[in-house]
Structures are given as structure tokens and as C-alpha cells.
Amino acid sequence: MGTGAAKRALITGITGQDGSYLAELLLEKGYEVHGMIRRSSTFNTSRIDHLYVDAHDPDARLFLHYGDLTDGSRLVTLIERVAPDEIYHLGAQSHVRVSFDEPEFTGDTTGLGTTRLLEAIRVAQSPTRFYQASSSEMFGATPPPQNESTPFYPRSPYGAAKVYSYWMARNYREAYGMFAVNGVLFNHESPRRGETFVTRKITRAAARIAAGLQSELWLGNLDAARDWGYAKEYVEAMWLMLQADEPRDYVVATGTSYTVRDFVQFSFERVGLDWEKYVRFDERYLRPTEVDNLIGDASLAESVLGWKPTVMTPELAGLMVDADVDALVRT
């Protein structure tokens, strides 16, 4: 455990959707939170700005450090400096469609980045507990429902890179006795989701069309079915995995499935619009290989960790649309 009474956590990908919710959760639990961010010429910390207190403030408990998953030596020095009790590895090139355009970069960051981090833990001889953000995209074409015993069949460079990361975490756990776990999270969304991801693209468009700021929405495959949950609830499952007595891997999901078309309908109905009048098809948004249906079985997480989702897809779409409507009102 880190020095002092408070537990210390290091989060890669802290500026992303999951990282920001996880940082909030850990700060609420009294943690000292350290986040790794990439150097950029523009500010990219908007999701965590409300949490940040100047490091000179004696009450500060959130600290940011520059680093990159492609720089193994920096990861070693960062772990030695922070001496975290827990590491949550959320950083990745996480856009599935983009991974087809940038497969090498995706493999380097999403795949090899995990190996560099695990090796940094080993080299630094850190007793930290390690969480690896695995993905339902690893299952790909394997028929649903999918659980911890389901074979992987990734259908994208992103999915393949996540499979590699999954097995590396397993290998370091078995080879070096590391407390390393894989959280196989199915799709999880929120108002903090990036605007290029399909759910947020849909909810933002519904809000903008209702406000007269946009006239149409271009989408790809409307028949793809996903198990969509609420990101704010899913980060609690991450935390619970690292509090368990033994390291093991868990599926985190709602157990329900809705198509992209369903999500569009829920979103547009929220603002009183008929989606069919506004949605257009663009084949550029199709993936070369599609994942047709993902439905997760999270019964192990419920029985061992006591975790269970409460926000299902229809409610999720509604709260995301409401947030996008509110954002337009504030601007």
C-alpha cells in the first residue's frame, strides 16, 4: 500500500469517458488518484477539469503525469514514482472503425501498450493490483450470450489487440503471481462518450435536429445489436475486481440486446421526432467485418462481486439525449 492512509491509484486513459467516472469514484472513496495523460498542444482534460485542484493545494488528491503507452521506460519511472496500490489500465486506441484504418497504431497502443505496462510493473517490482480493460469486441463473431468461458473470435484490429492484451494479463498473473484481472466490459456509454462513437453521435444529432441546428444524421449498419450499459455503473465493477480476495476475469454487461436502429428510435422519441425522416445511410461507416450481436452474461460478477446493472439501454439513451439537450441550452 502507498505511503499514508489513503490508497493510491494510477489510471491510464484518465481523460476518457471511463477514466473520468473512475477518477470520481476513487476520489469519493478517499483515494489519491494519479492519471497518465499524453502530451498535446491542445487541452484534452475537459472530462476531469471539474475534479482538478492545483497540485500546490494541500487538499489536492488528483495528480496528472505525462506519459505514453508507447514509451516503456517512462512507464517504469512513473510506477516507481507514484508507487500505486492499484493500476487501472484504460488507455487505448478504442474506436473500432478507426482500428481498420490504423491497424498498426492500434496494435502498438491497445495491444503492446498493455505488455509495456505489465513489464513496467514487473521491472519496478511493484506489488500493485492491475486492472486490464478488456472488451466484448474480443468475442466478435462468437454467438451470444457471451461469458467468461466463451471463445474469442475478434472481427477488427481493435478486437484482436484486446485479445492479445487479455492473454498478456493472464500470462503475467500466472507467470509472476501478479494480481492482474481482465474486466471484459460490453458496450458502455454515457453523456461523456466521444462524439465520434455511434451512441453519442446519435443522441447529439437528436438534440441538434430538435433544436434546428442539424438536418440529418448519417449512419452505417443499423442492424448491429449490442449490449449497452451505463459507463458510470461499469467503473464500479472495475473497482470491485481489485478489491476481491483472488484475481480473476469477469464479464460486465446488462444481459440485454438492442440494435443501433433501436437506439436511434429511443433517442429521437425522447425529443418527439420520427427518426426515419432524418437518418441517412452512408456505406463509409460500415466495417469490413461486422460484429452482429453481443449479449453479455455477467452472472459471475453478480455472484462474486455483488455487481448488477440498473440502467438499461432505453433509459441510457434518454439520459444521454437529455444531457445533449442541456448542453445546447447552456451554450
Protein backbone atom coordinates (compact mmCIF):
# COMPACT_ATOMS: atom_id res chain seq x y z
CA MET A 1 0.00 0.00 0.00
CA GLY A 2 1.19 3.52 -0.77
CA THR A 3 2.50 5.84 1.91
CA GLY A 4 -0.06 7.43 4.17
CA ALA A 5 -3.56 6.29 4.99
CA ALA A 6 -5.13 6.80 1.57
CA LYS A 7 -4.90 4.19 -1.15
CA ARG A 8 -3.15 5.37 -4.28
CA ALA A 9 -4.36 4.58 -7.80
CA LEU A 10 -2.86 5.19 -11.23
CA ILE A 11 -5.24 5.45 -14.20
CA THR A 12 -4.15 5.32 -17.83
CA GLY A 13 -6.76 6.89 -20.10
CA ILE A 14 -7.97 9.13 -17.25
CA THR A 15 -9.17 11.79 -19.70
CA GLY A 16 -11.58 9.37 -21.39
CA GLN A 17 -15.17 8.52 -20.52
CA ASP A 18 -14.34 5.62 -18.20
CA GLY A 19 -11.28 7.30 -16.73
CA SER A 20 -13.23 10.35 -15.65
CA TYR A 21 -16.00 8.34 -13.97
CA LEU A 22 -13.43 6.07 -12.30
CA ALA A 23 -11.47 9.07 -11.02
CA GLU A 24 -14.68 10.45 -9.50
CA LEU A 25 -15.45 7.13 -7.84
CA LEU A 26 -11.97 6.70 -6.38
CA LEU A 27 -11.82 10.27 -5.09
CA GLU A 28 -15.20 9.73 -3.40
CA LYS A 29 -13.69 6.65 -1.73
CA GLY A 30 -10.78 8.68 -0.38
CA TYR A 31 -8.11 7.58 -2.84
CA GLU A 32 -5.18 9.64 -4.01
CA VAL A 33 -5.58 9.45 -7.79
CA HIS A 34 -2.82 9.76 -10.37
CA GLY A 35 -3.59 9.92 -14.08
CA MET A 36 -1.34 9.43 -17.08
CA ILE A 37 -2.03 11.81 -19.97
CA ARG A 38 -0.40 12.24 -23.36
CA ARG A 39 1.35 15.50 -24.17
CA SER A 40 -0.77 17.53 -26.57
CA SER A 41 -0.64 21.05 -27.96
CA THR A 42 -4.30 21.44 -27.01
CA PHE A 43 -6.07 20.81 -23.72
CA ASN A 44 -7.77 17.41 -23.63
CA THR A 45 -8.78 17.20 -19.97
CA SER A 46 -12.36 18.51 -20.23
CA ARG A 47 -13.90 15.38 -18.68
CA ILE A 48 -11.86 15.73 -15.48
CA ASP A 49 -11.47 19.51 -15.21
CA HIS A 50 -14.21 19.62 -12.55
CA LEU A 51 -12.12 17.27 -10.38
CA TYR A 52 -8.82 19.07 -10.67
CA VAL A 53 -7.33 21.05 -7.81
CA ASP A 54 -3.96 22.78 -8.21
CA ALA A 55 -1.21 20.42 -7.10
CA HIS A 56 0.12 23.10 -4.74
CA ASP A 57 -3.12 22.94 -2.75
CA PRO A 58 -2.64 20.80 0.39
CA ASP A 59 -6.05 19.25 -0.24
CA ALA A 60 -5.17 18.12 -3.77
CA ARG A 61 -5.75 14.39 -4.35
CA LEU A 62 -5.70 14.26 -8.16
CA PHE A 63 -2.36 14.46 -9.93
CA LEU A 64 -1.63 14.23 -13.66
CA HIS A 65 1.58 12.96 -15.24
CA TYR A 66 2.74 12.99 -18.84
CA GLY A 67 3.36 9.58 -20.30
CA ASP A 68 2.60 7.37 -23.29
CA LEU A 69 1.85 3.69 -23.74
CA THR A 70 4.47 3.52 -26.49
CA ASP A 71 7.23 4.54 -24.04
CA GLY A 72 8.11 1.59 -21.82
CA SER A 73 10.92 3.30 -19.88
CA ARG A 74 8.60 6.16 -18.90
CA LEU A 75 6.07 3.66 -17.58
CA VAL A 76 8.73 2.15 -15.29
CA THR A 77 9.75 5.51 -13.83
CA LEU A 78 6.12 6.56 -13.44
CA ILE A 79 5.22 3.43 -11.49
CA GLU A 80 8.32 3.82 -9.30
CA ARG A 81 7.46 7.45 -8.61
CA VAL A 82 3.74 7.03 -7.94
CA ALA A 83 4.01 3.64 -6.15
CA PRO A 84 0.33 2.86 -6.76
CA ASP A 85 -1.68 0.28 -4.82
CA GLU A 86 -3.92 -0.16 -7.88
CA ILE A 87 -3.43 0.46 -11.61
CA TYR A 88 -6.43 0.79 -13.90
CA HIS A 89 -5.30 0.41 -17.49
CA LEU A 90 -7.97 2.08 -19.60
CA GLY A 91 -5.77 3.84 -22.16
CA ALA A 92 -6.06 2.61 -25.76
CA GLN A 93 -6.96 3.48 -29.33
CA SER A 94 -10.54 2.43 -28.64
CA HIS A 95 -12.51 3.29 -31.78
CA VAL A 96 -13.31 0.03 -33.58
CA ARG A 97 -13.93 1.53 -37.03
CA VAL A 98 -10.75 3.63 -36.82
CA SER A 99 -8.77 0.48 -36.00
CA PHE A 100 -9.34 -0.73 -39.57
CA ASP A 101 -7.76 2.49 -40.86
CA GLU A 102 -4.90 2.42 -38.33
CA PRO A 103 -4.28 -1.25 -37.51
CA GLU A 104 -0.58 -0.87 -36.73
CA PHE A 105 -1.10 2.08 -34.38
CA THR A 106 -3.98 0.23 -32.72
CA GLY A 107 -1.80 -2.84 -32.17
CA ASP A 108 1.03 -0.73 -30.78
CA THR A 109 -1.08 1.16 -28.25
CA THR A 110 -4.03 -1.11 -27.49
CA GLY A 111 -2.01 -4.35 -27.64
CA LEU A 112 1.67 -3.74 -26.95
CA GLY A 113 0.86 -0.85 -24.60
CA THR A 114 -0.54 -3.37 -22.14
CA THR A 115 2.61 -5.51 -22.34
CA ARG A 116 4.80 -2.46 -21.71
CA LEU A 117 2.75 -1.59 -18.64
CA LEU A 118 2.78 -5.14 -17.27
CA GLU A 119 6.51 -5.36 -17.85
CA ALA A 120 7.00 -1.99 -16.14
CA ILE A 121 5.18 -3.36 -13.08
CA ARG A 122 7.43 -6.41 -13.09
CA VAL A 123 10.66 -4.41 -13.56
CA ALA A 124 9.66 -1.93 -10.86
CA GLN A 125 8.84 -4.88 -8.58
CA SER A 126 5.58 -3.18 -7.74
CA PRO A 127 3.05 -5.09 -5.61
CA THR A 128 0.24 -3.13 -7.29
CA ARG A 129 -3.05 -4.72 -8.35
CA PHE A 130 -3.64 -4.37 -12.08
CA TYR A 131 -6.91 -3.96 -13.99
CA GLN A 132 -6.90 -4.53 -17.75
CA ALA A 133 -9.79 -3.04 -19.72
CA SER A 134 -10.84 -5.91 -21.95
CA SER A 135 -13.69 -5.65 -24.43
CA SER A 136 -16.72 -7.54 -25.71
CA GLU A 137 -15.24 -6.94 -29.19
CA MET A 138 -12.92 -9.86 -28.37
CA PHE A 139 -15.91 -12.20 -28.80
CA GLY A 140 -16.71 -10.76 -32.22
CA ALA A 141 -18.43 -13.44 -34.29
CA THR A 142 -18.94 -15.93 -31.45
CA PRO A 143 -22.71 -16.41 -30.95
CA PRO A 144 -24.30 -14.83 -27.86
CA PRO A 145 -24.71 -14.92 -24.96
CA GLN A 146 -21.02 -14.50 -24.11
CA ASN A 147 -19.47 -15.17 -20.70
CA GLU A 148 -16.03 -15.82 -19.20
CA SER A 149 -15.81 -19.23 -20.92
CA THR A 150 -16.84 -18.09 -24.40
CA PRO A 151 -14.14 -18.46 -27.10
CA PHE A 152 -12.78 -15.28 -28.66
CA TYR A 153 -13.30 -14.52 -32.34
CA PRO A 154 -12.33 -10.87 -32.88
CA ARG A 155 -13.51 -9.17 -36.06
CA SER A 156 -11.41 -6.00 -36.00
CA PRO A 157 -7.81 -4.93 -35.35
CA TYR A 158 -9.10 -3.40 -32.12
CA GLY A 159 -10.68 -6.69 -31.02
CA ALA A 160 -7.53 -8.63 -31.92
CA ALA A 161 -5.35 -6.19 -29.96
CA LYS A 162 -7.62 -6.56 -26.94
CA VAL A 163 -7.37 -10.36 -27.15
CA TYR A 164 -3.59 -10.02 -27.06
CA SER A 165 -3.81 -7.73 -24.03
CA TYR A 166 -6.19 -10.13 -22.29
CA TRP A 167 -3.80 -13.05 -22.64
CA MET A 168 -0.79 -10.99 -21.62
CA ALA A 169 -2.57 -10.02 -18.39
CA ARG A 170 -3.43 -13.67 -17.82
CA ASN A 171 0.17 -14.68 -18.55
CA TYR A 172 1.69 -12.17 -16.12
CA ARG A 173 -0.78 -13.31 -13.47
CA GLU A 174 0.17 -16.96 -13.93
CA ALA A 175 3.90 -16.48 -14.57
CA TYR A 176 4.72 -13.90 -11.91
CA GLY A 177 1.90 -14.21 -9.38
CA MET A 178 0.70 -10.72 -10.25
CA PHE A 179 -2.76 -9.61 -9.10
CA ALA A 180 -3.92 -8.91 -12.66
CA VAL A 181 -7.54 -9.06 -13.77
CA ASN A 182 -9.41 -8.60 -17.04
CA GLY A 183 -12.71 -6.78 -16.98
CA VAL A 184 -14.49 -7.83 -20.18
CA LEU A 185 -16.81 -4.87 -20.45
CA PHE A 186 -19.59 -4.86 -23.00
CA ASN A 187 -20.55 -1.55 -24.63
CA HIS A 188 -20.95 1.14 -22.02
CA GLU A 189 -22.00 4.67 -22.84
CA SER A 190 -22.74 8.00 -21.17
CA PRO A 191 -23.05 11.72 -21.88
CA ARG A 192 -19.22 11.75 -21.72
CA ARG A 193 -18.87 9.37 -24.65
CA GLY A 194 -16.79 10.77 -27.51
CA GLU A 195 -18.82 12.38 -30.27
CA THR A 196 -17.49 10.01 -32.97
CA PHE A 197 -18.88 6.91 -31.20
CA VAL A 198 -22.22 5.85 -32.62
CA THR A 199 -24.36 6.23 -29.47
CA ARG A 200 -23.18 9.76 -28.74
CA LYS A 201 -23.33 10.64 -32.42
CA ILE A 202 -26.99 9.60 -32.35
CA THR A 203 -28.00 11.39 -29.13
CA ARG A 204 -26.17 14.57 -30.08
CA ALA A 205 -27.81 14.58 -33.51
CA ALA A 206 -31.27 14.09 -31.97
CA ALA A 207 -30.71 17.09 -29.71
CA ARG A 208 -29.31 19.25 -32.52
CA ILE A 209 -32.04 18.31 -35.03
CA ALA A 210 -34.72 19.07 -32.43
CA ALA A 211 -33.07 22.47 -31.90
CA GLY A 212 -32.94 23.20 -35.65
CA LEU A 213 -29.12 23.09 -35.74
CA GLN A 214 -28.82 19.96 -37.90
CA SER A 215 -30.96 18.48 -40.65
CA GLU A 216 -29.87 14.86 -40.99
CA LEU A 217 -27.82 12.05 -39.44
CA TRP A 218 -25.62 9.71 -41.46
CA LEU A 219 -25.11 6.20 -40.08
CA GLY A 220 -23.85 2.79 -41.19
CA ASN A 221 -25.22 -0.61 -40.14
CA LEU A 222 -28.50 -0.15 -38.26
CA ASP A 223 -28.92 -3.88 -37.64
CA ALA A 224 -25.85 -4.40 -35.46
CA ALA A 225 -27.04 -5.41 -31.99
CA ARG A 226 -25.21 -4.52 -28.80
CA ASP A 227 -25.46 -4.89 -25.04
CA TRP A 228 -25.35 -1.24 -23.96
CA GLY A 229 -24.90 -0.23 -20.31
CA TYR A 230 -24.10 2.92 -18.34
CA ALA A 231 -20.38 3.69 -18.00
CA LYS A 232 -20.78 5.26 -14.56
CA GLU A 233 -22.03 1.91 -13.22
CA TYR A 234 -19.39 -0.12 -15.04
CA VAL A 235 -16.42 1.63 -13.40
CA GLU A 236 -17.69 0.41 -10.04
CA ALA A 237 -17.26 -3.15 -11.32
CA MET A 238 -13.64 -2.30 -12.18
CA TRP A 239 -13.02 -1.19 -8.60
CA LEU A 240 -14.73 -4.24 -7.13
CA MET A 241 -12.48 -6.58 -9.16
CA LEU A 242 -9.38 -5.15 -7.49
CA GLN A 243 -10.91 -5.45 -4.02
CA ALA A 244 -11.54 -9.19 -4.39
CA ASP A 245 -9.51 -11.77 -2.49
CA GLU A 246 -8.30 -13.51 -5.65
CA PRO A 247 -7.60 -12.18 -9.17
CA ARG A 248 -9.93 -13.47 -11.85
CA ASP A 249 -11.59 -12.23 -15.03
CA TYR A 250 -15.18 -11.01 -15.26
CA VAL A 251 -17.74 -10.14 -17.91
CA VAL A 252 -19.60 -6.89 -17.18
CA ALA A 253 -22.85 -6.42 -19.10
CA THR A 254 -26.61 -5.87 -18.84
CA GLY A 255 -27.66 -9.16 -20.47
CA THR A 256 -29.90 -7.31 -22.93
CA SER A 257 -29.51 -6.57 -26.63
CA TYR A 258 -30.73 -3.72 -28.82
CA THR A 259 -29.93 -2.77 -32.39
CA VAL A 260 -28.49 0.55 -33.50
CA ARG A 261 -31.92 1.18 -35.00
CA ASP A 262 -33.48 0.72 -31.54
CA PHE A 263 -31.03 3.19 -30.02
CA VAL A 264 -31.87 5.71 -32.76
CA GLN A 265 -35.59 5.27 -32.11
CA PHE A 266 -35.22 5.70 -28.32
CA SER A 267 -33.13 8.81 -28.82
CA PHE A 268 -35.35 10.57 -31.35
CA GLU A 269 -38.53 9.69 -29.46
CA ARG A 270 -37.02 11.46 -26.45
CA VAL A 271 -37.23 14.75 -28.34
CA GLY A 272 -40.52 13.93 -30.09
CA LEU A 273 -39.14 13.21 -33.55
CA ASP A 274 -39.67 10.46 -36.11
CA TRP A 275 -36.13 9.19 -36.73
CA GLU A 276 -36.91 7.85 -40.20
CA LYS A 277 -37.32 11.39 -41.50
CA TYR A 278 -33.75 12.32 -40.60
CA VAL A 279 -31.46 9.27 -40.70
CA ARG A 280 -29.48 8.53 -43.87
CA PHE A 281 -27.21 5.60 -44.79
CA ASP A 282 -23.51 6.00 -45.59
CA GLU A 283 -21.53 2.89 -46.50
CA ARG A 284 -18.30 4.56 -45.34
CA TYR A 285 -19.40 3.83 -41.79
CA LEU A 286 -19.62 0.08 -42.42
CA ARG A 287 -16.87 -2.12 -41.01
CA PRO A 288 -15.04 -4.51 -43.39
CA THR A 289 -16.01 -7.29 -40.95
CA GLU A 290 -19.03 -6.73 -38.74
CA VAL A 291 -19.89 -7.97 -35.26
CA ASP A 292 -23.57 -8.84 -35.46
CA ASN A 293 -24.72 -9.45 -31.91
CA LEU A 294 -23.19 -9.10 -28.46
CA ILE A 295 -25.08 -10.06 -25.30
CA GLY A 296 -23.10 -10.45 -22.09
CA ASP A 297 -23.75 -12.84 -19.22
CA ALA A 298 -22.50 -11.05 -16.08
CA SER A 299 -23.79 -13.62 -13.58
CA LEU A 300 -20.28 -14.29 -12.24
CA ALA A 301 -19.76 -10.59 -11.45
CA GLU A 302 -23.10 -10.56 -9.67
CA SER A 303 -22.47 -13.70 -7.61
CA VAL A 304 -18.83 -12.98 -6.65
CA LEU A 305 -18.60 -9.18 -6.64
CA GLY A 306 -22.22 -8.31 -5.93
CA TRP A 307 -22.33 -6.08 -9.02
CA LYS A 308 -25.53 -5.67 -11.01
CA PRO A 309 -26.54 -3.01 -13.57
CA THR A 310 -29.60 -0.83 -13.02
CA VAL A 311 -29.60 1.42 -16.13
CA MET A 312 -30.72 -0.37 -19.29
CA THR A 313 -30.46 0.80 -22.89
CA PRO A 314 -33.77 2.72 -23.27
CA GLU A 315 -33.10 4.73 -20.11
CA LEU A 316 -29.47 5.21 -21.11
CA ALA A 317 -30.43 6.70 -24.47
CA GLY A 318 -32.83 9.05 -22.71
CA LEU A 319 -30.32 10.36 -20.19
CA MET A 320 -27.73 10.88 -22.94
CA VAL A 321 -30.19 12.84 -25.09
CA ASP A 322 -31.23 14.95 -22.08
CA ALA A 323 -27.58 15.79 -21.41
CA ASP A 324 -27.03 16.82 -25.04
CA VAL A 325 -30.17 18.96 -24.98
CA ASP A 326 -29.00 20.62 -21.76
CA ALA A 327 -25.56 21.25 -23.28
CA LEU A 328 -27.15 23.12 -26.19
CA VAL A 329 -29.21 25.24 -23.81
CA ARG A 330 -26.07 26.23 -21.88
CA THR A 331 -24.14 27.29 -24.98
